[in-house]
């Protein structure tokens, strides 16, 4: 399973770069603090109002953010100004918000900015915040199979056998998930594999004539699975008495 991602947005207030005048007060953030941690879960909708205050009453306030290099890989993040007094984070983390293990980038930095309405030099303040996104398991997906028909047929005592093929995927594999494929013949386990693509060759004997069920079931480490079934008719082969 993929590891828990710690998305970093450092919650520190910096000295504003600009102030609208020597005596004017800059806006501040009122409900976030240093090293504040937001615990999120993949697939669960997240809403948070980042509140601002300006003692001079220089409203409306404007809230914005800038992604640093790693932050560009945090695609679901969103912050928008609402009613001139708050910035709203409103998004649903996805599988792609837990970082990229192939590059080793698992921590992100995003800078928040709040500005007042004074022009041309608005008062402003910066903030950074910690996020932790917890992974939820995604089931495997059988993406291709052969034969492509659901109903297939062969004959008994086929020396070359009858081949079934599959390809499967799981979005959690880069984060450590593992898959196991199981083949069943009339609900009896006949073969297993831990590959994401593979095949099983069935050799019908002279006692196999009739209609049978072939089932492929692919499980991940959490036990969630995907399956595909074929109806196999094995035709009788006439033999000399």
Foldseek 3Di string as FASTA:
>chain_A
DADKFKAWFFFDKDDWPFALDPPFDFKDWDPTHGAAEAEAEAQDKDKDKGFMDGPVPQDQKFKDKDWDPLRVQQPFWDWGDDPSTTIMTTGHGHPSRQGDVVVPRRYTYMKMKMWGNDPDITGMMITTYMYIYHYDFDEKAWDDKPPPDQEEEEAAQDPVFDKIKTAMDGSCVSRPKWKKKFKDKQNHTDDMDGDRIDMDGHHGHQPRAAKIKIKIWMGIPVGHIDMGIHIYGYHHDDDDD
